[in-house]
Amino acid sequence: MVTRGKVHRLPELDGFIAETGGQRAGLITYKMTGDELEITSINSLVENEGIGTVLVDGVLDIARKKSVKRVMLITTNDNTKALRFWQKRGFRFAAVYPGAVDASRKLKPTIPLTGNDGIPIRDEIELEMLV
């Protein structure tokens, strides 16, 4: 995963798995730096059943226990589904990085030019929650 010109090696990060009925249903990864926690990935294998919310709530619990002041994440401008998801859970827009995906493509050339709904992937959007 590449965001803001940095490579994140997800297997090396902290995270946890959500299960339902004894089966894996989702995964979230994150990294903590000082008093900030960055969510680096979230994947739900079962849509619209609350798995993503459970994963986010788990990370927020960790942030509170560790006295983290800010939880943040980066997504791309084409990911309208993610933007809805995060805002519904109380995250707010913190910054927009125009053209940031172009820099990320230099590190990860497989990032497509066009994403969801035919939207060109150009910018990174930072969302945050103060905890």
N, C-alpha and C. Protein backbone atom coordinates (compact mmCIF):
# COMPACT_ATOMS: atom_id res chain seq x y z
N MET A 1 0.86 -1.16 0.00
CA MET A 1 0.00 0.00 0.00
C MET A 1 0.91 1.23 0.00
N VAL A 2 0.54 2.22 -0.80
CA VAL A 2 1.31 3.46 -0.87
C VAL A 2 0.37 4.63 -0.62
N THR A 3 0.74 5.49 0.33
CA THR A 3 0.01 6.74 0.57
C THR A 3 1.01 7.84 0.88
N ARG A 4 0.74 9.01 0.38
CA ARG A 4 1.57 10.19 0.61
C ARG A 4 3.04 9.92 0.37
N GLY A 5 3.32 9.13 -0.66
CA GLY A 5 4.69 8.84 -1.04
C GLY A 5 5.41 7.86 -0.14
N LYS A 6 4.68 7.18 0.75
CA LYS A 6 5.28 6.19 1.65
C LYS A 6 4.72 4.82 1.36
N VAL A 7 5.60 3.82 1.39
CA VAL A 7 5.19 2.42 1.21
C VAL A 7 4.85 1.85 2.59
N HIS A 8 3.66 1.25 2.69
CA HIS A 8 3.23 0.57 3.91
C HIS A 8 3.20 -0.93 3.60
N ARG A 9 3.98 -1.70 4.30
CA ARG A 9 4.00 -3.15 4.13
C ARG A 9 3.02 -3.73 5.15
N LEU A 10 1.82 -4.00 4.66
CA LEU A 10 0.71 -4.37 5.54
C LEU A 10 1.00 -5.57 6.44
N PRO A 11 1.67 -6.62 5.96
CA PRO A 11 1.95 -7.75 6.86
C PRO A 11 2.83 -7.39 8.06
N GLU A 12 3.52 -6.27 7.97
CA GLU A 12 4.42 -5.85 9.05
C GLU A 12 3.72 -4.93 10.06
N LEU A 13 2.48 -4.56 9.80
CA LEU A 13 1.76 -3.61 10.66
C LEU A 13 0.88 -4.33 11.67
N ASP A 14 0.50 -3.60 12.70
CA ASP A 14 -0.47 -4.12 13.66
C ASP A 14 -1.83 -4.20 13.00
N GLY A 15 -2.67 -5.07 13.50
CA GLY A 15 -4.01 -5.20 12.98
C GLY A 15 -4.73 -6.36 13.63
N PHE A 16 -5.95 -6.58 13.20
CA PHE A 16 -6.69 -7.73 13.69
C PHE A 16 -7.76 -8.13 12.70
N ILE A 17 -8.26 -9.33 12.91
CA ILE A 17 -9.25 -9.94 12.02
C ILE A 17 -10.59 -9.99 12.74
N ALA A 18 -11.65 -9.73 12.00
CA ALA A 18 -13.01 -9.93 12.52
C ALA A 18 -13.49 -11.28 12.01
N GLU A 19 -14.18 -11.99 12.87
CA GLU A 19 -14.75 -13.29 12.49
C GLU A 19 -16.24 -13.29 12.75
N THR A 20 -16.94 -14.06 11.96
CA THR A 20 -18.36 -14.30 12.19
C THR A 20 -18.63 -15.76 11.89
N GLY A 21 -19.27 -16.42 12.80
CA GLY A 21 -19.54 -17.84 12.63
C GLY A 21 -18.29 -18.68 12.48
N GLY A 22 -17.19 -18.27 13.12
CA GLY A 22 -15.94 -19.00 13.02
C GLY A 22 -15.18 -18.79 11.72
N GLN A 23 -15.68 -17.91 10.87
CA GLN A 23 -15.04 -17.64 9.58
C GLN A 23 -14.49 -16.22 9.56
N ARG A 24 -13.37 -16.02 8.90
CA ARG A 24 -12.82 -14.68 8.74
C ARG A 24 -13.78 -13.81 7.94
N ALA A 25 -14.03 -12.61 8.47
CA ALA A 25 -14.99 -11.72 7.81
C ALA A 25 -14.39 -10.37 7.45
N GLY A 26 -13.22 -10.04 8.01
CA GLY A 26 -12.61 -8.75 7.71
C GLY A 26 -11.27 -8.58 8.38
N LEU A 27 -10.54 -7.56 7.95
CA LEU A 27 -9.21 -7.27 8.46
C LEU A 27 -9.00 -5.77 8.47
N ILE A 28 -8.34 -5.28 9.51
CA ILE A 28 -7.94 -3.88 9.57
C ILE A 28 -6.48 -3.84 10.00
N THR A 29 -5.69 -2.94 9.40
CA THR A 29 -4.30 -2.74 9.81
C THR A 29 -4.10 -1.28 10.15
N TYR A 30 -3.13 -1.03 11.01
CA TYR A 30 -2.87 0.34 11.44
C TYR A 30 -1.45 0.46 11.94
N LYS A 31 -1.01 1.73 12.07
CA LYS A 31 0.27 1.98 12.70
C LYS A 31 0.14 3.20 13.60
N MET A 32 0.85 3.14 14.72
CA MET A 32 0.83 4.25 15.67
C MET A 32 2.18 4.94 15.65
N THR A 33 2.11 6.26 15.61
CA THR A 33 3.30 7.09 15.68
C THR A 33 3.01 8.20 16.67
N GLY A 34 3.67 8.17 17.82
CA GLY A 34 3.42 9.17 18.85
C GLY A 34 1.98 9.11 19.30
N ASP A 35 1.28 10.24 19.22
CA ASP A 35 -0.12 10.28 19.65
C ASP A 35 -1.09 10.23 18.47
N GLU A 36 -0.64 9.61 17.38
CA GLU A 36 -1.48 9.47 16.18
C GLU A 36 -1.53 8.01 15.75
N LEU A 37 -2.71 7.58 15.34
CA LEU A 37 -2.91 6.23 14.81
C LEU A 37 -3.42 6.39 13.38
N GLU A 38 -2.72 5.74 12.45
CA GLU A 38 -3.15 5.76 11.04
C GLU A 38 -3.71 4.41 10.66
N ILE A 39 -4.95 4.40 10.21
CA ILE A 39 -5.55 3.19 9.65
C ILE A 39 -5.00 3.06 8.23
N THR A 40 -4.32 1.95 7.96
CA THR A 40 -3.67 1.78 6.66
C THR A 40 -4.49 0.93 5.70
N SER A 41 -5.31 0.03 6.24
CA SER A 41 -6.17 -0.76 5.36
C SER A 41 -7.36 -1.28 6.15
N ILE A 42 -8.44 -1.48 5.44
CA ILE A 42 -9.62 -2.14 6.01
C ILE A 42 -10.27 -2.93 4.88
N ASN A 43 -10.59 -4.17 5.17
CA ASN A 43 -11.23 -5.04 4.19
C ASN A 43 -12.33 -5.82 4.87
N SER A 44 -13.50 -5.79 4.28
CA SER A 44 -14.62 -6.57 4.78
C SER A 44 -14.99 -7.59 3.71
N LEU A 45 -15.04 -8.85 4.10
CA LEU A 45 -15.40 -9.90 3.14
C LEU A 45 -16.91 -10.06 3.01
N VAL A 46 -17.64 -9.44 3.93
CA VAL A 46 -19.10 -9.51 3.95
C VAL A 46 -19.61 -8.08 3.96
N GLU A 47 -20.29 -7.68 2.92
CA GLU A 47 -20.77 -6.29 2.81
C GLU A 47 -22.06 -6.07 3.59
N ASN A 48 -22.20 -4.87 4.12
CA ASN A 48 -23.44 -4.39 4.74
C ASN A 48 -23.93 -5.24 5.92
N GLU A 49 -22.99 -5.81 6.67
CA GLU A 49 -23.37 -6.56 7.86
C GLU A 49 -22.67 -6.05 9.11
N GLY A 50 -22.03 -4.86 9.01
CA GLY A 50 -21.42 -4.24 10.17
C GLY A 50 -20.00 -4.66 10.47
N ILE A 51 -19.39 -5.45 9.61
CA ILE A 51 -18.02 -5.92 9.86
C ILE A 51 -17.06 -4.74 9.89
N GLY A 52 -17.16 -3.85 8.92
CA GLY A 52 -16.28 -2.68 8.88
C GLY A 52 -16.43 -1.82 10.12
N THR A 53 -17.65 -1.63 10.56
CA THR A 53 -17.90 -0.83 11.76
C THR A 53 -17.27 -1.48 12.99
N VAL A 54 -17.38 -2.80 13.11
CA VAL A 54 -16.76 -3.51 14.23
C VAL A 54 -15.24 -3.32 14.20
N LEU A 55 -14.64 -3.42 13.02
CA LEU A 55 -13.20 -3.23 12.90
C LEU A 55 -12.78 -1.82 13.30
N VAL A 56 -13.51 -0.83 12.81
CA VAL A 56 -13.20 0.57 13.15
C VAL A 56 -13.37 0.79 14.65
N ASP A 57 -14.46 0.29 15.22
CA ASP A 57 -14.67 0.45 16.66
C ASP A 57 -13.53 -0.18 17.46
N GLY A 58 -13.02 -1.30 16.99
CA GLY A 58 -11.89 -1.95 17.65
C GLY A 58 -10.64 -1.08 17.63
N VAL A 59 -10.38 -0.45 16.51
CA VAL A 59 -9.22 0.43 16.41
C VAL A 59 -9.41 1.66 17.28
N LEU A 60 -10.62 2.20 17.29
CA LEU A 60 -10.89 3.37 18.15
C LEU A 60 -10.71 3.02 19.63
N ASP A 61 -11.10 1.81 20.02
CA ASP A 61 -10.88 1.36 21.40
C ASP A 61 -9.39 1.31 21.72
N ILE A 62 -8.61 0.78 20.80
CA ILE A 62 -7.15 0.73 20.99
C ILE A 62 -6.59 2.15 21.12
N ALA A 63 -7.05 3.05 20.24
CA ALA A 63 -6.57 4.43 20.28
C ALA A 63 -6.85 5.08 21.63
N ARG A 64 -8.04 4.87 22.15
CA ARG A 64 -8.40 5.45 23.45
C ARG A 64 -7.56 4.85 24.58
N LYS A 65 -7.34 3.55 24.55
CA LYS A 65 -6.55 2.89 25.59
C LYS A 65 -5.09 3.34 25.57
N LYS A 66 -4.60 3.67 24.38
CA LYS A 66 -3.20 4.11 24.23
C LYS A 66 -3.08 5.63 24.31
N SER A 67 -4.17 6.32 24.64
CA SER A 67 -4.19 7.79 24.75
C SER A 67 -3.80 8.49 23.45
N VAL A 68 -4.17 7.87 22.33
CA VAL A 68 -3.95 8.50 21.02
C VAL A 68 -4.94 9.65 20.88
N LYS A 69 -4.47 10.75 20.35
CA LYS A 69 -5.33 11.93 20.21
C LYS A 69 -6.03 12.02 18.86
N ARG A 70 -5.43 11.36 17.86
CA ARG A 70 -5.95 11.49 16.50
C ARG A 70 -5.86 10.16 15.78
N VAL A 71 -6.97 9.76 15.16
CA VAL A 71 -7.00 8.60 14.28
C VAL A 71 -7.24 9.13 12.87
N MET A 72 -6.43 8.71 11.93
CA MET A 72 -6.57 9.23 10.57
C MET A 72 -6.37 8.12 9.54
N LEU A 73 -6.71 8.45 8.32
CA LEU A 73 -6.53 7.53 7.20
C LEU A 73 -6.47 8.32 5.92
N ILE A 74 -5.98 7.67 4.88
CA ILE A 74 -5.91 8.27 3.55
C ILE A 74 -6.70 7.38 2.60
N THR A 75 -7.49 8.00 1.74
CA THR A 75 -8.14 7.29 0.64
C THR A 75 -7.98 8.13 -0.61
N THR A 76 -8.44 7.62 -1.72
CA THR A 76 -8.30 8.36 -2.98
C THR A 76 -9.62 9.00 -3.39
N ASN A 77 -9.52 9.97 -4.26
CA ASN A 77 -10.68 10.77 -4.67
C ASN A 77 -11.78 9.96 -5.34
N ASP A 78 -11.45 8.83 -5.93
CA ASP A 78 -12.46 8.02 -6.62
C ASP A 78 -13.25 7.13 -5.68
N ASN A 79 -12.78 6.97 -4.45
CA ASN A 79 -13.35 5.99 -3.54
C ASN A 79 -14.53 6.58 -2.76
N THR A 80 -15.59 6.88 -3.50
CA THR A 80 -16.76 7.53 -2.90
C THR A 80 -17.44 6.64 -1.87
N LYS A 81 -17.37 5.34 -2.06
CA LYS A 81 -17.95 4.42 -1.07
C LYS A 81 -17.21 4.54 0.26
N ALA A 82 -15.89 4.60 0.21
CA ALA A 82 -15.10 4.76 1.44
C ALA A 82 -15.36 6.12 2.07
N LEU A 83 -15.47 7.15 1.27
CA LEU A 83 -15.74 8.48 1.83
C LEU A 83 -17.07 8.50 2.58
N ARG A 84 -18.07 7.83 2.05
CA ARG A 84 -19.35 7.71 2.76
C ARG A 84 -19.18 6.92 4.05
N PHE A 85 -18.51 5.77 3.95
CA PHE A 85 -18.30 4.90 5.10
C PHE A 85 -17.65 5.66 6.25
N TRP A 86 -16.54 6.33 5.99
CA TRP A 86 -15.80 7.00 7.06
C TRP A 86 -16.57 8.16 7.65
N GLN A 87 -17.25 8.92 6.81
CA GLN A 87 -18.01 10.06 7.34
C GLN A 87 -19.17 9.60 8.22
N LYS A 88 -19.82 8.50 7.85
CA LYS A 88 -20.91 7.97 8.67
C LYS A 88 -20.42 7.54 10.05
N ARG A 89 -19.14 7.24 10.16
CA ARG A 89 -18.58 6.80 11.44
C ARG A 89 -17.90 7.93 12.19
N GLY A 90 -18.13 9.17 11.75
CA GLY A 90 -17.65 10.34 12.48
C GLY A 90 -16.33 10.92 12.04
N PHE A 91 -15.73 10.37 10.99
CA PHE A 91 -14.48 10.93 10.48
C PHE A 91 -14.78 12.17 9.64
N ARG A 92 -13.85 13.12 9.67
CA ARG A 92 -14.02 14.38 8.94
C ARG A 92 -12.85 14.59 8.00
N PHE A 93 -13.10 15.37 6.95
CA PHE A 93 -12.03 15.72 6.02
C PHE A 93 -10.98 16.56 6.75
N ALA A 94 -9.72 16.18 6.61
CA ALA A 94 -8.63 16.92 7.24
C ALA A 94 -7.74 17.59 6.21
N ALA A 95 -7.57 16.95 5.04
CA ALA A 95 -6.70 17.52 4.01
C ALA A 95 -6.97 16.83 2.68
N VAL A 96 -6.66 17.55 1.62
CA VAL A 96 -6.68 16.99 0.27
C VAL A 96 -5.28 17.22 -0.30
N TYR A 97 -4.73 16.17 -0.89
CA TYR A 97 -3.40 16.24 -1.48
C TYR A 97 -3.53 16.09 -3.00
N PRO A 98 -3.71 17.21 -3.70
CA PRO A 98 -3.88 17.15 -5.16
C PRO A 98 -2.65 16.53 -5.84
N GLY A 99 -2.90 15.61 -6.73
CA GLY A 99 -1.83 14.99 -7.50
C GLY A 99 -0.98 13.98 -6.74
N ALA A 100 -1.33 13.68 -5.51
CA ALA A 100 -0.51 12.79 -4.69
C ALA A 100 -0.41 11.38 -5.26
N VAL A 101 -1.43 10.94 -5.96
CA VAL A 101 -1.40 9.58 -6.50
C VAL A 101 -0.34 9.46 -7.59
N ASP A 102 -0.06 10.55 -8.29
CA ASP A 102 1.02 10.51 -9.29
C ASP A 102 2.35 10.16 -8.63
N ALA A 103 2.62 10.74 -7.47
CA ALA A 103 3.85 10.42 -6.74
C ALA A 103 3.83 8.97 -6.27
N SER A 104 2.67 8.51 -5.83
CA SER A 104 2.56 7.12 -5.37
C SER A 104 2.79 6.14 -6.50
N ARG A 105 2.36 6.50 -7.71
CA ARG A 105 2.56 5.60 -8.87
C ARG A 105 4.04 5.39 -9.18
N LYS A 106 4.89 6.34 -8.80
CA LYS A 106 6.33 6.16 -9.02
C LYS A 106 6.85 5.02 -8.14
N LEU A 107 6.23 4.83 -6.97
CA LEU A 107 6.63 3.75 -6.08
C LEU A 107 5.86 2.45 -6.37
N LYS A 108 4.63 2.62 -6.86
CA LYS A 108 3.78 1.46 -7.16
C LYS A 108 3.09 1.70 -8.51
N PRO A 109 3.77 1.37 -9.60
CA PRO A 109 3.25 1.65 -10.94
C PRO A 109 1.94 0.95 -11.29
N THR A 110 1.53 -0.04 -10.50
CA THR A 110 0.30 -0.77 -10.80
C THR A 110 -0.97 -0.03 -10.37
N ILE A 111 -0.83 1.12 -9.72
CA ILE A 111 -2.02 1.90 -9.36
C ILE A 111 -2.68 2.34 -10.66
N PRO A 112 -3.95 1.98 -10.85
CA PRO A 112 -4.61 2.32 -12.12
C PRO A 112 -4.83 3.83 -12.27
N LEU A 113 -5.01 4.25 -13.51
CA LEU A 113 -5.28 5.66 -13.80
C LEU A 113 -6.73 6.02 -13.51
N THR A 114 -7.62 5.03 -13.67
CA THR A 114 -9.05 5.25 -13.48
C THR A 114 -9.56 4.28 -12.43
N GLY A 115 -10.45 4.78 -11.57
CA GLY A 115 -10.95 3.96 -10.48
C GLY A 115 -12.45 3.77 -10.53
N ASN A 116 -13.05 3.78 -9.36
CA ASN A 116 -14.49 3.55 -9.22
C ASN A 116 -15.30 4.54 -10.05
N ASP A 117 -16.33 4.01 -10.69
CA ASP A 117 -17.27 4.82 -11.49
C ASP A 117 -16.58 5.61 -12.59
N GLY A 118 -15.43 5.13 -13.06
CA GLY A 118 -14.73 5.80 -14.16
C GLY A 118 -14.06 7.11 -13.76
N ILE A 119 -13.88 7.33 -12.47
CA ILE A 119 -13.27 8.58 -11.97
C ILE A 119 -11.75 8.45 -12.05
N PRO A 120 -11.08 9.42 -12.67
CA PRO A 120 -9.61 9.39 -12.68
C PRO A 120 -9.07 9.46 -11.24
N ILE A 121 -8.10 8.59 -10.95
CA ILE A 121 -7.50 8.56 -9.61
C ILE A 121 -6.32 9.53 -9.61
N ARG A 122 -6.46 10.63 -8.88
CA ARG A 122 -5.44 11.67 -8.88
C ARG A 122 -5.00 12.09 -7.49
N ASP A 123 -5.97 12.25 -6.61
CA ASP A 123 -5.73 12.92 -5.34
C ASP A 123 -5.91 11.97 -4.16
N GLU A 124 -5.23 12.29 -3.07
CA GLU A 124 -5.43 11.58 -1.83
C GLU A 124 -6.21 12.48 -0.88
N ILE A 125 -7.09 11.88 -0.12
CA ILE A 125 -7.92 12.61 0.84
C ILE A 125 -7.65 12.04 2.22
N GLU A 126 -7.33 12.92 3.15
CA GLU A 126 -7.07 12.52 4.52
C GLU A 126 -8.31 12.80 5.36
N LEU A 127 -8.74 11.78 6.09
CA LEU A 127 -9.86 11.93 7.02
C LEU A 127 -9.34 11.68 8.42
N GLU A 128 -9.99 12.29 9.41
CA GLU A 128 -9.53 12.16 10.78
C GLU A 128 -10.68 12.13 11.76
N MET A 129 -10.36 11.58 12.93
CA MET A 129 -11.26 11.65 14.08
C MET A 129 -10.36 11.97 15.28
N LEU A 130 -10.74 12.98 16.02
CA LEU A 130 -10.04 13.31 17.24
C LEU A 130 -10.67 12.51 18.36
N VAL A 131 -9.84 11.77 19.12
CA VAL A 131 -10.37 10.90 20.16
C VAL A 131 -9.90 11.33 21.53
